[in-house]
Amino acid sequence: MRKKQGKAVALWTCALLAVILLLGALVLGGAYNKLKDCADKHEASVTKWSAHYGIDPELVQAVIFVESRGKHDAVSNAGAVGVMQLMPVTAKWVAQKEKIGYSEELLLDADTNIRFGCAFIAYLKTRFDSTESILAAYNAGPARVEAWLKDPSYSKNGVLTDIPYKETSDYVKKVSFLIKVYEKI
């Protein structure tokens, strides 16, 4: 009797495991398709502007996905706009720095938004040594990251060891993970 019960439990366990694996594959396949679709949608602009500003296209694709899932008309509660979720004041500063025309409506144009986002990331690269610090500055602002880097409770030898804002810490982890995923796509 015990052998029959043991076999039944084993069969149910195997069946349950098979269902879980199948659902996992469907979810992961769906996530892969979303990442790939987002990358394909903006590939020309990302390729053009990342090369122009000397930054990795995978980093740009990862930022786009985390920020807006590739939606050109995305607007956050904080007022960030477009595929790279730029704050209008940041975009205006970038436009002045790059000597290009600016209007807030331009931020809804994916190509222009990607250009401004790439220019901003390139600027952050001149201020910070690590991808983690660049991403933290993109999310929380460069002044905050500079303060964290000077504070020994958040950094050691100029390297962030702890990001005090959970949102920024989570953001850096997500984008860093997706950079690796986009390198494989």
C-alpha atoms as a PDB file:
ATOM      1  CA  MET A   1       0.000   0.000   0.000  1.00  0.00           C
ATOM      2  CA  ARG A   2       2.803   2.390   0.905  1.00  0.00           C
ATOM      3  CA  LYS A   3       4.562   1.726  -2.400  1.00  0.00           C
ATOM      4  CA  LYS A   4       1.408   2.703  -4.312  1.00  0.00           C
ATOM      5  CA  GLN A   5       1.029   5.892  -2.275  1.00  0.00           C
ATOM      6  CA  GLY A   6       4.707   6.696  -2.783  1.00  0.00           C
ATOM      7  CA  LYS A   7       4.388   6.207  -6.558  1.00  0.00           C
ATOM      8  CA  ALA A   8       1.230   8.347  -6.650  1.00  0.00           C
ATOM      9  CA  VAL A   9       2.942  11.139  -4.729  1.00  0.00           C
ATOM     10  CA  ALA A  10       5.961  10.905  -7.012  1.00  0.00           C
ATOM     11  CA  LEU A  11       3.740  11.068 -10.119  1.00  0.00           C
ATOM     12  CA  TRP A  12       1.824  14.065  -8.764  1.00  0.00           C
ATOM     13  CA  THR A  13       5.112  15.753  -7.832  1.00  0.00           C
ATOM     14  CA  CYS A  14       6.478  15.176 -11.331  1.00  0.00           C
ATOM     15  CA  ALA A  15       3.245  16.426 -12.920  1.00  0.00           C
ATOM     16  CA  LEU A  16       3.268  19.524 -10.712  1.00  0.00           C
ATOM     17  CA  LEU A  17       6.922  20.170 -11.504  1.00  0.00           C
ATOM     18  CA  ALA A  18       6.195  19.818 -15.237  1.00  0.00           C
ATOM     19  CA  VAL A  19       3.352  22.349 -14.981  1.00  0.00           C
ATOM     20  CA  ILE A  20       5.564  24.783 -13.041  1.00  0.00           C
ATOM     21  CA  LEU A  21       8.361  24.418 -15.596  1.00  0.00           C
ATOM     22  CA  LEU A  22       5.930  24.931 -18.475  1.00  0.00           C
ATOM     23  CA  LEU A  23       4.460  28.054 -16.869  1.00  0.00           C
ATOM     24  CA  GLY A  24       7.971  29.330 -16.152  1.00  0.00           C
ATOM     25  CA  ALA A  25       8.984  28.823 -19.765  1.00  0.00           C
ATOM     26  CA  LEU A  26       5.882  30.659 -20.972  1.00  0.00           C
ATOM     27  CA  VAL A  27       6.523  33.572 -18.609  1.00  0.00           C
ATOM     28  CA  LEU A  28      10.216  33.760 -19.487  1.00  0.00           C
ATOM     29  CA  GLY A  29       9.419  33.431 -23.176  1.00  0.00           C
ATOM     30  CA  GLY A  30       6.952  36.289 -22.869  1.00  0.00           C
ATOM     31  CA  ALA A  31       9.510  38.411 -21.028  1.00  0.00           C
ATOM     32  CA  TYR A  32      12.135  37.641 -23.672  1.00  0.00           C
ATOM     33  CA  ASN A  33       9.707  38.644 -26.421  1.00  0.00           C
ATOM     34  CA  LYS A  34       8.930  41.922 -24.642  1.00  0.00           C
ATOM     35  CA  LEU A  35      12.624  42.713 -24.259  1.00  0.00           C
ATOM     36  CA  LYS A  36      13.326  41.807 -27.887  1.00  0.00           C
ATOM     37  CA  ASP A  37      10.343  43.775 -29.206  1.00  0.00           C
ATOM     38  CA  CYS A  38      11.403  46.854 -27.246  1.00  0.00           C
ATOM     39  CA  ALA A  39      14.975  46.540 -28.542  1.00  0.00           C
ATOM     40  CA  ASP A  40      13.822  46.059 -32.142  1.00  0.00           C
ATOM     41  CA  LYS A  41      11.459  49.022 -31.915  1.00  0.00           C
ATOM     42  CA  HIS A  42      14.243  51.467 -31.014  1.00  0.00           C
ATOM     43  CA  GLU A  43      17.264  49.702 -32.501  1.00  0.00           C
ATOM     44  CA  ALA A  44      18.067  52.301 -35.179  1.00  0.00           C
ATOM     45  CA  SER A  45      17.964  55.236 -32.757  1.00  0.00           C
ATOM     46  CA  VAL A  46      19.834  53.372 -30.036  1.00  0.00           C
ATOM     47  CA  THR A  47      22.522  52.257 -32.483  1.00  0.00           C
ATOM     48  CA  LYS A  48      22.913  55.759 -33.935  1.00  0.00           C
ATOM     49  CA  TRP A  49      22.988  57.749 -30.684  1.00  0.00           C
ATOM     50  CA  SER A  50      24.909  55.278 -28.536  1.00  0.00           C
ATOM     51  CA  ALA A  51      27.661  55.216 -31.183  1.00  0.00           C
ATOM     52  CA  HIS A  52      27.562  59.018 -31.488  1.00  0.00           C
ATOM     53  CA  TYR A  53      28.013  59.459 -27.726  1.00  0.00           C
ATOM     54  CA  GLY A  54      30.321  56.475 -27.184  1.00  0.00           C
ATOM     55  CA  ILE A  55      28.129  54.461 -24.842  1.00  0.00           C
ATOM     56  CA  ASP A  56      27.090  50.820 -24.881  1.00  0.00           C
ATOM     57  CA  PRO A  57      23.830  50.224 -26.774  1.00  0.00           C
ATOM     58  CA  GLU A  58      22.892  47.454 -24.318  1.00  0.00           C
ATOM     59  CA  LEU A  59      22.973  49.983 -21.485  1.00  0.00           C
ATOM     60  CA  VAL A  60      20.648  52.284 -23.443  1.00  0.00           C
ATOM     61  CA  GLN A  61      18.266  49.434 -24.289  1.00  0.00           C
ATOM     62  CA  ALA A  62      18.174  48.360 -20.640  1.00  0.00           C
ATOM     63  CA  VAL A  63      17.442  51.915 -19.465  1.00  0.00           C
ATOM     64  CA  ILE A  64      14.665  52.253 -22.048  1.00  0.00           C
ATOM     65  CA  PHE A  65      13.041  49.003 -20.975  1.00  0.00           C
ATOM     66  CA  VAL A  66      13.185  49.740 -17.246  1.00  0.00           C
ATOM     67  CA  GLU A  67      12.119  53.357 -17.657  1.00  0.00           C
ATOM     68  CA  SER A  68       9.197  53.062 -20.077  1.00  0.00           C
ATOM     69  CA  ARG A  69       9.006  49.572 -21.614  1.00  0.00           C
ATOM     70  CA  GLY A  70       9.735  51.435 -24.862  1.00  0.00           C
ATOM     71  CA  LYS A  71       6.656  53.658 -24.844  1.00  0.00           C
ATOM     72  CA  HIS A  72       7.464  56.958 -26.552  1.00  0.00           C
ATOM     73  CA  ASP A  73       4.568  58.754 -24.854  1.00  0.00           C
ATOM     74  CA  ALA A  74       5.242  57.561 -21.303  1.00  0.00           C
ATOM     75  CA  VAL A  75       4.963  60.235 -18.612  1.00  0.00           C
ATOM     76  CA  SER A  76       5.744  59.440 -14.973  1.00  0.00           C
ATOM     77  CA  ASN A  77       4.041  60.818 -11.886  1.00  0.00           C
ATOM     78  CA  ALA A  78       7.191  62.876 -11.290  1.00  0.00           C
ATOM     79  CA  GLY A  79       6.934  64.390 -14.791  1.00  0.00           C
ATOM     80  CA  ALA A  80       9.644  62.374 -16.568  1.00  0.00           C
ATOM     81  CA  VAL A  81       8.836  62.026 -20.275  1.00  0.00           C
ATOM     82  CA  GLY A  82       9.423  59.612 -23.151  1.00  0.00           C
ATOM     83  CA  VAL A  83      11.208  56.330 -23.694  1.00  0.00           C
ATOM     84  CA  MET A  84      14.161  57.279 -21.495  1.00  0.00           C
ATOM     85  CA  GLN A  85      11.974  59.115 -18.958  1.00  0.00           C
ATOM     86  CA  LEU A  86      13.867  62.392 -18.952  1.00  0.00           C
ATOM     87  CA  MET A  87      12.836  65.215 -16.690  1.00  0.00           C
ATOM     88  CA  PRO A  88      12.130  68.272 -18.853  1.00  0.00           C
ATOM     89  CA  VAL A  89      14.685  70.370 -16.936  1.00  0.00           C
ATOM     90  CA  THR A  90      17.366  67.727 -17.638  1.00  0.00           C
ATOM     91  CA  ALA A  91      16.406  67.499 -21.308  1.00  0.00           C
ATOM     92  CA  LYS A  92      16.494  71.281 -21.639  1.00  0.00           C
ATOM     93  CA  TRP A  93      19.967  71.348 -20.062  1.00  0.00           C
ATOM     94  CA  VAL A  94      21.147  68.606 -22.463  1.00  0.00           C
ATOM     95  CA  ALA A  95      19.706  70.483 -25.461  1.00  0.00           C
ATOM     96  CA  GLN A  96      21.537  73.667 -24.440  1.00  0.00           C
ATOM     97  CA  LYS A  97      24.766  71.739 -23.859  1.00  0.00           C
ATOM     98  CA  GLU A  98      24.427  70.053 -27.269  1.00  0.00           C
ATOM     99  CA  LYS A  99      23.324  73.300 -28.948  1.00  0.00           C
ATOM    100  CA  ILE A 100      20.128  71.819 -30.335  1.00  0.00           C
ATOM    101  CA  GLY A 101      16.603  73.161 -30.273  1.00  0.00           C
ATOM    102  CA  TYR A 102      14.331  72.196 -27.423  1.00  0.00           C
ATOM    103  CA  SER A 103      10.664  71.984 -26.639  1.00  0.00           C
ATOM    104  CA  GLU A 104       8.916  69.611 -24.269  1.00  0.00           C
ATOM    105  CA  GLU A 105       7.014  68.122 -27.223  1.00  0.00           C
ATOM    106  CA  LEU A 106      10.347  66.876 -28.600  1.00  0.00           C
ATOM    107  CA  LEU A 107      10.615  64.541 -25.621  1.00  0.00           C
ATOM    108  CA  LEU A 108       7.711  62.538 -27.023  1.00  0.00           C
ATOM    109  CA  ASP A 109       9.717  61.849 -30.193  1.00  0.00           C
ATOM    110  CA  ALA A 110      11.535  58.594 -29.436  1.00  0.00           C
ATOM    111  CA  ASP A 111      14.601  59.415 -31.549  1.00  0.00           C
ATOM    112  CA  THR A 112      15.069  62.807 -29.893  1.00  0.00           C
ATOM    113  CA  ASN A 113      14.430  61.385 -26.432  1.00  0.00           C
ATOM    114  CA  ILE A 114      17.018  58.668 -27.022  1.00  0.00           C
ATOM    115  CA  ARG A 115      19.497  61.273 -28.263  1.00  0.00           C
ATOM    116  CA  PHE A 116      18.995  63.383 -25.130  1.00  0.00           C
ATOM    117  CA  GLY A 117      19.176  60.292 -22.902  1.00  0.00           C
ATOM    118  CA  CYS A 118      22.399  59.120 -24.549  1.00  0.00           C
ATOM    119  CA  ALA A 119      23.910  62.608 -24.249  1.00  0.00           C
ATOM    120  CA  PHE A 120      23.013  62.666 -20.555  1.00  0.00           C
ATOM    121  CA  ILE A 121      24.522  59.213 -19.952  1.00  0.00           C
ATOM    122  CA  ALA A 122      27.685  60.296 -21.799  1.00  0.00           C
ATOM    123  CA  TYR A 123      27.872  63.328 -19.515  1.00  0.00           C
ATOM    124  CA  LEU A 124      27.422  61.099 -16.452  1.00  0.00           C
ATOM    125  CA  LYS A 125      30.295  58.925 -17.716  1.00  0.00           C
ATOM    126  CA  THR A 126      32.565  61.983 -17.434  1.00  0.00           C
ATOM    127  CA  ARG A 127      31.606  62.369 -13.766  1.00  0.00           C
ATOM    128  CA  PHE A 128      31.458  58.768 -12.545  1.00  0.00           C
ATOM    129  CA  ASP A 129      33.743  55.775 -12.988  1.00  0.00           C
ATOM    130  CA  SER A 130      31.363  52.859 -12.655  1.00  0.00           C
ATOM    131  CA  THR A 131      28.223  51.787 -14.458  1.00  0.00           C
ATOM    132  CA  GLU A 132      26.531  51.435 -11.069  1.00  0.00           C
ATOM    133  CA  SER A 133      27.245  55.085 -10.194  1.00  0.00           C
ATOM    134  CA  ILE A 134      26.154  56.245 -13.658  1.00  0.00           C
ATOM    135  CA  LEU A 135      22.856  54.389 -13.345  1.00  0.00           C
ATOM    136  CA  ALA A 136      22.316  55.655  -9.796  1.00  0.00           C
ATOM    137  CA  ALA A 137      22.942  59.215 -11.025  1.00  0.00           C
ATOM    138  CA  TYR A 138      20.561  58.724 -13.955  1.00  0.00           C
ATOM    139  CA  ASN A 139      17.851  57.712 -11.480  1.00  0.00           C
ATOM    140  CA  ALA A 140      18.543  59.836  -8.385  1.00  0.00           C
ATOM    141  CA  GLY A 141      20.584  62.692  -9.835  1.00  0.00           C
ATOM    142  CA  PRO A 142      24.325  63.305 -10.034  1.00  0.00           C
ATOM    143  CA  ALA A 143      24.507  65.550  -6.954  1.00  0.00           C
ATOM    144  CA  ARG A 144      23.032  62.838  -4.732  1.00  0.00           C
ATOM    145  CA  VAL A 145      25.442  60.223  -6.050  1.00  0.00           C
ATOM    146  CA  GLU A 146      28.402  62.543  -5.526  1.00  0.00           C
ATOM    147  CA  ALA A 147      27.276  63.027  -1.914  1.00  0.00           C
ATOM    148  CA  TRP A 148      26.944  59.255  -1.442  1.00  0.00           C
ATOM    149  CA  LEU A 149      30.417  58.700  -2.881  1.00  0.00           C
ATOM    150  CA  LYS A 150      31.865  61.153  -0.335  1.00  0.00           C
ATOM    151  CA  ASP A 151      30.045  59.502   2.566  1.00  0.00           C
ATOM    152  CA  PRO A 152      31.926  56.465   3.969  1.00  0.00           C
ATOM    153  CA  SER A 153      28.652  54.926   5.120  1.00  0.00           C
ATOM    154  CA  TYR A 154      27.644  54.577   1.432  1.00  0.00           C
ATOM    155  CA  SER A 155      30.975  54.140  -0.333  1.00  0.00           C
ATOM    156  CA  LYS A 156      34.486  52.865   0.014  1.00  0.00           C
ATOM    157  CA  ASN A 157      37.430  54.163  -2.016  1.00  0.00           C
ATOM    158  CA  GLY A 158      35.109  56.001  -4.400  1.00  0.00           C
ATOM    159  CA  VAL A 159      32.886  52.972  -5.067  1.00  0.00           C
ATOM    160  CA  LEU A 160      29.244  52.807  -3.987  1.00  0.00           C
ATOM    161  CA  THR A 161      28.795  50.026  -1.479  1.00  0.00           C
ATOM    162  CA  ASP A 162      25.274  50.968  -0.412  1.00  0.00           C
ATOM    163  CA  ILE A 163      22.606  53.027  -2.139  1.00  0.00           C
ATOM    164  CA  PRO A 164      20.356  54.548   0.525  1.00  0.00           C
ATOM    165  CA  TYR A 165      17.310  54.960  -1.749  1.00  0.00           C
ATOM    166  CA  LYS A 166      15.537  51.643  -2.280  1.00  0.00           C
ATOM    167  CA  GLU A 167      14.064  52.860  -5.587  1.00  0.00           C
ATOM    168  CA  THR A 168      17.533  53.740  -6.892  1.00  0.00           C
ATOM    169  CA  SER A 169      19.095  50.541  -5.556  1.00  0.00           C
ATOM    170  CA  ASP A 170      16.382  48.460  -7.239  1.00  0.00           C
ATOM    171  CA  TYR A 171      16.738  50.505 -10.445  1.00  0.00           C
ATOM    172  CA  VAL A 172      20.503  49.887 -10.614  1.00  0.00           C
ATOM    173  CA  LYS A 173      19.978  46.144 -10.068  1.00  0.00           C
ATOM    174  CA  LYS A 174      17.265  45.888 -12.748  1.00  0.00           C
ATOM    175  CA  VAL A 175      19.167  47.851 -15.376  1.00  0.00           C
ATOM    176  CA  SER A 176      22.444  46.040 -14.619  1.00  0.00           C
ATOM    177  CA  PHE A 177      20.693  42.679 -15.003  1.00  0.00           C
ATOM    178  CA  LEU A 178      19.057  43.736 -18.285  1.00  0.00           C
ATOM    179  CA  ILE A 179      22.360  44.981 -19.698  1.00  0.00           C
ATOM    180  CA  LYS A 180      23.588  41.387 -19.434  1.00  0.00           C
ATOM    181  CA  VAL A 181      20.374  40.097 -21.002  1.00  0.00           C
ATOM    182  CA  TYR A 182      20.639  42.547 -23.923  1.00  0.00           C
ATOM    183  CA  GLU A 183      24.256  41.498 -24.460  1.00  0.00           C
ATOM    184  CA  LYS A 184      22.921  37.979 -25.093  1.00  0.00           C
ATOM    185  CA  ILE A 185      19.985  38.990 -27.336  1.00  0.00           C
END
